[in-house]
């Protein structure tokens, strides 16, 4: 299973009018891997994902998904992809059941099947009592659960999750982490992007770190730790991205806060 290539990026470059975002990305990802896809803001993570999803054009290089070049114009591969963006909007006037059925149909599911599976997944995520309540009344965590369900409803082979645990309670976080591992065991390939380094460290089979538009590190956490001689993924991240002096900066900000408070007295 691990030998089946799901994503292949070859010499991928992307430039926006005032910035070179990607500088020759080469990456092969295989079935059943959980990829921790990390990097500082502006490193190119979102751009890479948008290109793979077919949401960004104008790139140079080659992108193959499920063995097919996406430049061919055949976008049928998108039906096998699930996606939870960091900042996603839902249709507030719809109920979770209506929204999930709508999303399921967009992915090619029959309406009856989409409704049945949506009901089952809402129950599994403890949202069955709110299945017919408008989403406008939902908390951040409840909305996030609906978004996660919408990304998985159609049984995708490739899933992109950008800060998927945002707003979730501790119990739900544990369930999602276990769920991702179970899905990987069943052959799903998962890109997991987050700034919460300890979660990335624990769930990822392989960590790909982007910095300045290129891959600065690629390997298991143990491999990266051995190579960098650092103890945690956060330390490795800071070393490879050149982020130093955070303690001094925090001290400076704390000084500003307490100094301002002192003046008010």
C-alpha atoms as a PDB file:
ATOM      1  CA  UNK A   1       0.000   0.000   0.000  1.00  0.00           C
ATOM      2  CA  UNK A   2       2.786   2.441   0.907  1.00  0.00           C
ATOM      3  CA  UNK A   3       4.265   2.096  -2.591  1.00  0.00           C
ATOM      4  CA  UNK A   4       1.205   3.583  -4.307  1.00  0.00           C
ATOM      5  CA  UNK A   5       1.943   7.213  -5.111  1.00  0.00           C
ATOM      6  CA  UNK A   6      -1.025   9.495  -4.407  1.00  0.00           C
ATOM      7  CA  UNK A   7       0.522  12.964  -4.826  1.00  0.00           C
ATOM      8  CA  UNK A   8       3.581  13.888  -6.863  1.00  0.00           C
ATOM      9  CA  UNK A   9       4.898  17.444  -7.149  1.00  0.00           C
ATOM     10  CA  UNK A  10       7.814  18.017  -9.524  1.00  0.00           C
ATOM     11  CA  UNK A  11       9.724  21.310  -9.752  1.00  0.00           C
ATOM     12  CA  UNK A  12       6.688  23.247  -8.565  1.00  0.00           C
ATOM     13  CA  UNK A  13       7.089  27.017  -8.770  1.00  0.00           C
ATOM     14  CA  UNK A  14       4.504  29.688  -8.088  1.00  0.00           C
ATOM     15  CA  UNK A  15       4.856  33.431  -8.218  1.00  0.00           C
ATOM     16  CA  UNK A  16       2.398  36.141  -7.265  1.00  0.00           C
ATOM     17  CA  UNK A  17       2.891  39.689  -8.610  1.00  0.00           C
ATOM     18  CA  UNK A  18       5.152  40.798  -5.760  1.00  0.00           C
ATOM     19  CA  UNK A  19       6.423  37.533  -4.322  1.00  0.00           C
ATOM     20  CA  UNK A  20       7.895  34.174  -5.288  1.00  0.00           C
ATOM     21  CA  UNK A  21       5.863  31.765  -3.144  1.00  0.00           C
ATOM     22  CA  UNK A  22       7.081  28.316  -4.227  1.00  0.00           C
ATOM     23  CA  UNK A  23      10.687  27.699  -5.264  1.00  0.00           C
ATOM     24  CA  UNK A  24      10.931  24.262  -6.794  1.00  0.00           C
ATOM     25  CA  UNK A  25       8.909  21.907  -4.597  1.00  0.00           C
ATOM     26  CA  UNK A  26       9.562  18.194  -5.181  1.00  0.00           C
ATOM     27  CA  UNK A  27       7.400  15.884  -3.126  1.00  0.00           C
ATOM     28  CA  UNK A  28       6.006  12.357  -3.433  1.00  0.00           C
ATOM     29  CA  UNK A  29       3.316  11.210  -1.020  1.00  0.00           C
ATOM     30  CA  UNK A  30       2.083   7.627  -0.723  1.00  0.00           C
ATOM     31  CA  UNK A  31      -1.159   5.921   0.206  1.00  0.00           C
ATOM     32  CA  UNK A  32      -1.789   5.582   3.939  1.00  0.00           C
ATOM     33  CA  UNK A  33       0.573   8.344   5.052  1.00  0.00           C
ATOM     34  CA  UNK A  34      -0.327  11.114   7.475  1.00  0.00           C
ATOM     35  CA  UNK A  35       1.755  14.083   6.390  1.00  0.00           C
ATOM     36  CA  UNK A  36       2.358  16.866   8.885  1.00  0.00           C
ATOM     37  CA  UNK A  37       2.535  19.795   6.470  1.00  0.00           C
ATOM     38  CA  UNK A  38       3.960  22.733   8.407  1.00  0.00           C
ATOM     39  CA  UNK A  39       5.792  26.011   8.005  1.00  0.00           C
ATOM     40  CA  UNK A  40       5.679  29.694   8.983  1.00  0.00           C
ATOM     41  CA  UNK A  41       2.924  31.927   7.648  1.00  0.00           C
ATOM     42  CA  UNK A  42       3.702  32.743   4.022  1.00  0.00           C
ATOM     43  CA  UNK A  43       5.918  29.680   3.531  1.00  0.00           C
ATOM     44  CA  UNK A  44       3.721  28.330   0.719  1.00  0.00           C
ATOM     45  CA  UNK A  45       1.591  25.701   2.480  1.00  0.00           C
ATOM     46  CA  UNK A  46      -1.784  27.103   1.470  1.00  0.00           C
ATOM     47  CA  UNK A  47      -0.592  27.832  -2.059  1.00  0.00           C
ATOM     48  CA  UNK A  48       0.555  24.230  -2.499  1.00  0.00           C
ATOM     49  CA  UNK A  49      -2.767  22.882  -1.284  1.00  0.00           C
ATOM     50  CA  UNK A  50      -4.765  25.268  -3.467  1.00  0.00           C
ATOM     51  CA  UNK A  51      -2.794  24.145  -6.521  1.00  0.00           C
ATOM     52  CA  UNK A  52      -3.457  20.479  -5.726  1.00  0.00           C
ATOM     53  CA  UNK A  53      -7.154  21.239  -5.203  1.00  0.00           C
ATOM     54  CA  UNK A  54      -7.326  23.042  -8.529  1.00  0.00           C
ATOM     55  CA  UNK A  55      -8.074  26.370  -6.836  1.00  0.00           C
ATOM     56  CA  UNK A  56      -4.913  28.130  -8.030  1.00  0.00           C
ATOM     57  CA  UNK A  57      -3.460  28.322 -11.529  1.00  0.00           C
ATOM     58  CA  UNK A  58      -0.421  29.936 -13.100  1.00  0.00           C
ATOM     59  CA  UNK A  59       2.127  27.594 -11.536  1.00  0.00           C
ATOM     60  CA  UNK A  60       5.155  26.066 -13.249  1.00  0.00           C
ATOM     61  CA  UNK A  61       6.020  22.408 -12.812  1.00  0.00           C
ATOM     62  CA  UNK A  62       4.017  19.204 -12.735  1.00  0.00           C
ATOM     63  CA  UNK A  63       1.307  18.088 -10.324  1.00  0.00           C
ATOM     64  CA  UNK A  64       0.048  14.506 -10.428  1.00  0.00           C
ATOM     65  CA  UNK A  65      -2.818  13.301  -8.251  1.00  0.00           C
ATOM     66  CA  UNK A  66      -3.734   9.603  -8.310  1.00  0.00           C
ATOM     67  CA  UNK A  67      -1.259   9.191 -11.164  1.00  0.00           C
ATOM     68  CA  UNK A  68      -2.801  11.828 -13.447  1.00  0.00           C
ATOM     69  CA  UNK A  69      -1.483  15.266 -14.336  1.00  0.00           C
ATOM     70  CA  UNK A  70      -4.075  17.791 -13.151  1.00  0.00           C
ATOM     71  CA  UNK A  71      -3.174  20.058 -16.077  1.00  0.00           C
ATOM     72  CA  UNK A  72      -4.972  17.602 -18.382  1.00  0.00           C
ATOM     73  CA  UNK A  73      -8.272  19.297 -17.595  1.00  0.00           C
ATOM     74  CA  UNK A  74      -9.889  16.183 -16.131  1.00  0.00           C
ATOM     75  CA  UNK A  75     -11.056  17.285 -12.687  1.00  0.00           C
ATOM     76  CA  UNK A  76     -12.774  14.024 -11.739  1.00  0.00           C
ATOM     77  CA  UNK A  77      -9.976  13.458  -9.194  1.00  0.00           C
ATOM     78  CA  UNK A  78     -11.553  16.145  -7.005  1.00  0.00           C
ATOM     79  CA  UNK A  79     -14.358  13.774  -6.052  1.00  0.00           C
ATOM     80  CA  UNK A  80     -11.783  11.685  -4.198  1.00  0.00           C
ATOM     81  CA  UNK A  81     -10.514  14.607  -2.114  1.00  0.00           C
ATOM     82  CA  UNK A  82     -11.790  15.987   1.196  1.00  0.00           C
ATOM     83  CA  UNK A  83     -10.842  19.422   2.507  1.00  0.00           C
ATOM     84  CA  UNK A  84     -11.254  21.385   5.734  1.00  0.00           C
ATOM     85  CA  UNK A  85      -9.822  24.913   5.237  1.00  0.00           C
ATOM     86  CA  UNK A  86      -8.590  26.947   8.173  1.00  0.00           C
ATOM     87  CA  UNK A  87     -11.299  29.554   7.700  1.00  0.00           C
ATOM     88  CA  UNK A  88     -14.428  28.066   6.183  1.00  0.00           C
ATOM     89  CA  UNK A  89     -17.898  29.484   5.761  1.00  0.00           C
ATOM     90  CA  UNK A  90     -21.028  27.403   6.017  1.00  0.00           C
ATOM     91  CA  UNK A  91     -24.523  28.314   4.893  1.00  0.00           C
ATOM     92  CA  UNK A  92     -25.918  29.634   8.169  1.00  0.00           C
ATOM     93  CA  UNK A  93     -29.543  29.319   7.121  1.00  0.00           C
ATOM     94  CA  UNK A  94     -29.187  25.596   6.452  1.00  0.00           C
ATOM     95  CA  UNK A  95     -29.304  22.823   9.020  1.00  0.00           C
ATOM     96  CA  UNK A  96     -26.404  20.359   9.313  1.00  0.00           C
ATOM     97  CA  UNK A  97     -28.504  17.714   7.571  1.00  0.00           C
ATOM     98  CA  UNK A  98     -29.317  20.050   4.688  1.00  0.00           C
ATOM     99  CA  UNK A  99     -25.729  21.258   4.390  1.00  0.00           C
ATOM    100  CA  UNK A 100     -24.187  17.790   4.478  1.00  0.00           C
ATOM    101  CA  UNK A 101     -26.695  16.397   1.995  1.00  0.00           C
ATOM    102  CA  UNK A 102     -25.916  19.300  -0.332  1.00  0.00           C
ATOM    103  CA  UNK A 103     -22.150  18.705  -0.025  1.00  0.00           C
ATOM    104  CA  UNK A 104     -22.599  14.971  -0.535  1.00  0.00           C
ATOM    105  CA  UNK A 105     -24.542  15.545  -3.749  1.00  0.00           C
ATOM    106  CA  UNK A 106     -21.820  17.898  -4.990  1.00  0.00           C
ATOM    107  CA  UNK A 107     -19.388  15.001  -4.595  1.00  0.00           C
ATOM    108  CA  UNK A 108     -21.654  12.724  -6.626  1.00  0.00           C
ATOM    109  CA  UNK A 109     -23.488  10.897  -3.850  1.00  0.00           C
ATOM    110  CA  UNK A 110     -27.123   9.955  -4.306  1.00  0.00           C
ATOM    111  CA  UNK A 111     -29.344  12.160  -2.147  1.00  0.00           C
ATOM    112  CA  UNK A 112     -30.797   9.311  -0.099  1.00  0.00           C
ATOM    113  CA  UNK A 113     -27.349   7.859   0.580  1.00  0.00           C
ATOM    114  CA  UNK A 114     -25.987  11.288   1.526  1.00  0.00           C
ATOM    115  CA  UNK A 115     -28.859  11.888   3.962  1.00  0.00           C
ATOM    116  CA  UNK A 116     -28.505   8.468   5.539  1.00  0.00           C
ATOM    117  CA  UNK A 117     -24.749   8.721   5.983  1.00  0.00           C
ATOM    118  CA  UNK A 118     -24.966  12.337   7.214  1.00  0.00           C
ATOM    119  CA  UNK A 119     -27.418  11.247   9.895  1.00  0.00           C
ATOM    120  CA  UNK A 120     -25.139   8.430  10.995  1.00  0.00           C
ATOM    121  CA  UNK A 121     -22.078  10.674  11.157  1.00  0.00           C
ATOM    122  CA  UNK A 122     -23.923  13.445  13.001  1.00  0.00           C
ATOM    123  CA  UNK A 123     -24.913  10.855  15.593  1.00  0.00           C
ATOM    124  CA  UNK A 124     -21.325   9.576  15.800  1.00  0.00           C
ATOM    125  CA  UNK A 125     -20.149  13.145  16.444  1.00  0.00           C
ATOM    126  CA  UNK A 126     -22.926  13.665  19.040  1.00  0.00           C
ATOM    127  CA  UNK A 127     -24.782  16.202  16.920  1.00  0.00           C
ATOM    128  CA  UNK A 128     -27.925  14.179  16.241  1.00  0.00           C
ATOM    129  CA  UNK A 129     -30.106  16.418  18.438  1.00  0.00           C
ATOM    130  CA  UNK A 130     -29.006  19.450  16.399  1.00  0.00           C
ATOM    131  CA  UNK A 131     -29.318  17.810  12.978  1.00  0.00           C
ATOM    132  CA  UNK A 132     -32.286  19.986  12.029  1.00  0.00           C
ATOM    133  CA  UNK A 133     -31.251  23.188  13.778  1.00  0.00           C
ATOM    134  CA  UNK A 134     -29.911  26.088  11.721  1.00  0.00           C
ATOM    135  CA  UNK A 135     -26.131  26.347  11.638  1.00  0.00           C
ATOM    136  CA  UNK A 136     -26.346  30.029  12.594  1.00  0.00           C
ATOM    137  CA  UNK A 137     -26.967  28.929  16.199  1.00  0.00           C
ATOM    138  CA  UNK A 138     -23.939  26.608  16.341  1.00  0.00           C
ATOM    139  CA  UNK A 139     -20.825  27.174  18.425  1.00  0.00           C
ATOM    140  CA  UNK A 140     -17.368  27.216  16.825  1.00  0.00           C
ATOM    141  CA  UNK A 141     -16.743  23.620  17.899  1.00  0.00           C
ATOM    142  CA  UNK A 142     -20.078  22.380  16.569  1.00  0.00           C
ATOM    143  CA  UNK A 143     -19.445  24.062  13.214  1.00  0.00           C
ATOM    144  CA  UNK A 144     -16.000  22.489  13.076  1.00  0.00           C
ATOM    145  CA  UNK A 145     -17.486  19.053  13.565  1.00  0.00           C
ATOM    146  CA  UNK A 146     -19.890  19.662  10.676  1.00  0.00           C
ATOM    147  CA  UNK A 147     -16.985  20.780   8.469  1.00  0.00           C
ATOM    148  CA  UNK A 148     -14.975  17.683   9.359  1.00  0.00           C
ATOM    149  CA  UNK A 149     -17.979  15.475   8.555  1.00  0.00           C
ATOM    150  CA  UNK A 150     -18.451  17.271   5.232  1.00  0.00           C
ATOM    151  CA  UNK A 151     -14.832  16.525   4.269  1.00  0.00           C
ATOM    152  CA  UNK A 152     -15.211  12.804   4.993  1.00  0.00           C
ATOM    153  CA  UNK A 153     -18.830  12.095   4.027  1.00  0.00           C
ATOM    154  CA  UNK A 154     -18.009  10.920   0.489  1.00  0.00           C
ATOM    155  CA  UNK A 155     -15.225   8.549   1.620  1.00  0.00           C
ATOM    156  CA  UNK A 156     -12.306  10.437   0.015  1.00  0.00           C
ATOM    157  CA  UNK A 157      -8.906   8.861  -0.611  1.00  0.00           C
ATOM    158  CA  UNK A 158      -6.986  12.098  -0.021  1.00  0.00           C
ATOM    159  CA  UNK A 159      -7.840  14.527   2.791  1.00  0.00           C
ATOM    160  CA  UNK A 160      -6.470  18.003   3.508  1.00  0.00           C
ATOM    161  CA  UNK A 161      -7.007  19.307   7.038  1.00  0.00           C
ATOM    162  CA  UNK A 162      -5.951  22.861   7.897  1.00  0.00           C
ATOM    163  CA  UNK A 163      -6.157  23.497  11.666  1.00  0.00           C
ATOM    164  CA  UNK A 164      -8.981  20.946  11.966  1.00  0.00           C
ATOM    165  CA  UNK A 165      -9.048  20.901  15.779  1.00  0.00           C
ATOM    166  CA  UNK A 166      -9.908  24.595  16.102  1.00  0.00           C
ATOM    167  CA  UNK A 167     -12.698  25.063  18.622  1.00  0.00           C
ATOM    168  CA  UNK A 168     -13.072  21.379  19.519  1.00  0.00           C
ATOM    169  CA  UNK A 169     -13.316  20.190  23.118  1.00  0.00           C
ATOM    170  CA  UNK A 170     -10.693  17.843  24.568  1.00  0.00           C
ATOM    171  CA  UNK A 171     -12.764  14.686  24.047  1.00  0.00           C
ATOM    172  CA  UNK A 172     -13.440  15.518  20.410  1.00  0.00           C
ATOM    173  CA  UNK A 173      -9.742  16.235  19.833  1.00  0.00           C
ATOM    174  CA  UNK A 174      -8.857  12.752  21.090  1.00  0.00           C
ATOM    175  CA  UNK A 175     -11.488  11.179  18.846  1.00  0.00           C
ATOM    176  CA  UNK A 176     -10.279  13.066  15.746  1.00  0.00           C
ATOM    177  CA  UNK A 177      -6.651  12.096  16.369  1.00  0.00           C
ATOM    178  CA  UNK A 178      -7.622   8.439  16.706  1.00  0.00           C
ATOM    179  CA  UNK A 179      -9.903   8.696  13.681  1.00  0.00           C
ATOM    180  CA  UNK A 180      -7.093   9.987  11.471  1.00  0.00           C
ATOM    181  CA  UNK A 181      -4.898   7.062  12.450  1.00  0.00           C
ATOM    182  CA  UNK A 182      -7.717   4.594  11.711  1.00  0.00           C
ATOM    183  CA  UNK A 183      -8.343   6.193   8.317  1.00  0.00           C
ATOM    184  CA  UNK A 184      -4.645   6.004   7.447  1.00  0.00           C
ATOM    185  CA  UNK A 185      -4.669   2.319   8.365  1.00  0.00           C
ATOM    186  CA  UNK A 186      -7.482   1.897   5.839  1.00  0.00           C
ATOM    187  CA  UNK A 187      -5.455   3.507   3.066  1.00  0.00           C
ATOM    188  CA  UNK A 188      -6.465   7.150   3.302  1.00  0.00           C
ATOM    189  CA  UNK A 189      -3.751   9.737   2.714  1.00  0.00           C
ATOM    190  CA  UNK A 190      -3.936  12.788   4.964  1.00  0.00           C
ATOM    191  CA  UNK A 191      -2.262  16.193   4.809  1.00  0.00           C
ATOM    192  CA  UNK A 192      -2.439  17.712   8.288  1.00  0.00           C
ATOM    193  CA  UNK A 193      -1.492  21.373   8.578  1.00  0.00           C
ATOM    194  CA  UNK A 194      -1.348  23.073  11.971  1.00  0.00           C
ATOM    195  CA  UNK A 195       0.676  25.440  14.109  1.00  0.00           C
ATOM    196  CA  UNK A 196       0.093  23.205  17.140  1.00  0.00           C
ATOM    197  CA  UNK A 197       3.389  21.382  16.949  1.00  0.00           C
ATOM    198  CA  UNK A 198       2.793  18.772  19.647  1.00  0.00           C
ATOM    199  CA  UNK A 199      -0.267  17.426  17.784  1.00  0.00           C
ATOM    200  CA  UNK A 200       1.614  17.327  14.466  1.00  0.00           C
ATOM    201  CA  UNK A 201       4.484  15.550  16.210  1.00  0.00           C
ATOM    202  CA  UNK A 202       2.212  12.863  17.651  1.00  0.00           C
ATOM    203  CA  UNK A 203      -0.034  12.019  14.706  1.00  0.00           C
ATOM    204  CA  UNK A 204       2.245  12.394  11.674  1.00  0.00           C
ATOM    205  CA  UNK A 205       3.999   9.490  10.006  1.00  0.00           C
ATOM    206  CA  UNK A 206       6.059  12.002   8.079  1.00  0.00           C
ATOM    207  CA  UNK A 207       6.654  15.729   8.537  1.00  0.00           C
ATOM    208  CA  UNK A 208       7.263  18.105   5.638  1.00  0.00           C
ATOM    209  CA  UNK A 209       8.424  21.566   6.661  1.00  0.00           C
ATOM    210  CA  UNK A 210       8.251  24.441   4.194  1.00  0.00           C
ATOM    211  CA  UNK A 211      10.342  27.584   4.582  1.00  0.00           C
ATOM    212  CA  UNK A 212      10.716  30.380   2.033  1.00  0.00           C
ATOM    213  CA  UNK A 213       8.958  28.357  -0.640  1.00  0.00           C
ATOM    214  CA  UNK A 214      11.101  25.242  -0.462  1.00  0.00           C
ATOM    215  CA  UNK A 215      11.165  22.042   1.574  1.00  0.00           C
ATOM    216  CA  UNK A 216      13.494  22.568   4.524  1.00  0.00           C
ATOM    217  CA  UNK A 217      12.889  19.163   6.118  1.00  0.00           C
ATOM    218  CA  UNK A 218      11.162  15.902   5.203  1.00  0.00           C
ATOM    219  CA  UNK A 219      11.062  12.794   7.371  1.00  0.00           C
ATOM    220  CA  UNK A 220       9.582  11.156  10.444  1.00  0.00           C
ATOM    221  CA  UNK A 221       9.767  13.057  13.713  1.00  0.00           C
ATOM    222  CA  UNK A 222      12.476  10.698  14.955  1.00  0.00           C
ATOM    223  CA  UNK A 223      14.516  11.270  11.793  1.00  0.00           C
ATOM    224  CA  UNK A 224      14.200  15.045  12.056  1.00  0.00           C
ATOM    225  CA  UNK A 225      15.068  15.003  15.748  1.00  0.00           C
ATOM    226  CA  UNK A 226      18.147  12.880  15.141  1.00  0.00           C
ATOM    227  CA  UNK A 227      19.305  15.109  12.301  1.00  0.00           C
ATOM    228  CA  UNK A 228      18.735  18.411  14.092  1.00  0.00           C
ATOM    229  CA  UNK A 229      19.650  17.196  17.589  1.00  0.00           C
ATOM    230  CA  UNK A 230      16.606  19.007  18.976  1.00  0.00           C
ATOM    231  CA  UNK A 231      14.144  17.587  21.492  1.00  0.00           C
ATOM    232  CA  UNK A 232      10.719  18.652  20.213  1.00  0.00           C
ATOM    233  CA  UNK A 233       9.145  19.478  16.881  1.00  0.00           C
ATOM    234  CA  UNK A 234       8.731  23.061  18.048  1.00  0.00           C
ATOM    235  CA  UNK A 235      12.505  23.281  18.629  1.00  0.00           C
ATOM    236  CA  UNK A 236      13.193  21.714  15.209  1.00  0.00           C
ATOM    237  CA  UNK A 237      10.753  24.144  13.599  1.00  0.00           C
ATOM    238  CA  UNK A 238      12.433  27.149  15.221  1.00  0.00           C
ATOM    239  CA  UNK A 239      15.899  25.923  14.262  1.00  0.00           C
ATOM    240  CA  UNK A 240      15.072  25.302  10.608  1.00  0.00           C
ATOM    241  CA  UNK A 241      13.047  28.471  10.108  1.00  0.00           C
ATOM    242  CA  UNK A 242      15.556  30.664  11.938  1.00  0.00           C
ATOM    243  CA  UNK A 243      13.040  31.806  14.523  1.00  0.00           C
ATOM    244  CA  UNK A 244      15.093  32.800  17.560  1.00  0.00           C
ATOM    245  CA  UNK A 245      14.754  35.318  20.346  1.00  0.00           C
ATOM    246  CA  UNK A 246      11.127  34.543  21.131  1.00  0.00           C
ATOM    247  CA  UNK A 247      11.767  34.638  24.884  1.00  0.00           C
ATOM    248  CA  UNK A 248      13.343  38.086  24.642  1.00  0.00           C
ATOM    249  CA  UNK A 249      10.474  39.347  22.486  1.00  0.00           C
ATOM    250  CA  UNK A 250       7.928  37.992  24.949  1.00  0.00           C
ATOM    251  CA  UNK A 251       9.804  39.712  27.792  1.00  0.00           C
ATOM    252  CA  UNK A 252       9.711  42.963  25.876  1.00  0.00           C
ATOM    253  CA  UNK A 253       5.978  42.739  25.296  1.00  0.00           C
ATOM    254  CA  UNK A 254       5.392  41.838  28.949  1.00  0.00           C
ATOM    255  CA  UNK A 255       7.425  44.917  29.924  1.00  0.00           C
ATOM    256  CA  UNK A 256       5.251  47.100  27.706  1.00  0.00           C
ATOM    257  CA  UNK A 257       2.081  45.703  29.240  1.00  0.00           C
ATOM    258  CA  UNK A 258       3.155  46.052  32.846  1.00  0.00           C
ATOM    259  CA  UNK A 259       4.717  49.458  32.238  1.00  0.00           C
ATOM    260  CA  UNK A 260       1.454  50.717  30.737  1.00  0.00           C
ATOM    261  CA  UNK A 261      -0.470  49.321  33.686  1.00  0.00           C
ATOM    262  CA  UNK A 262       1.918  51.030  36.068  1.00  0.00           C
ATOM    263  CA  UNK A 263       1.313  54.432  34.429  1.00  0.00           C
ATOM    264  CA  UNK A 264      -2.450  54.005  34.835  1.00  0.00           C
ATOM    265  CA  UNK A 265      -2.011  53.643  38.588  1.00  0.00           C
END
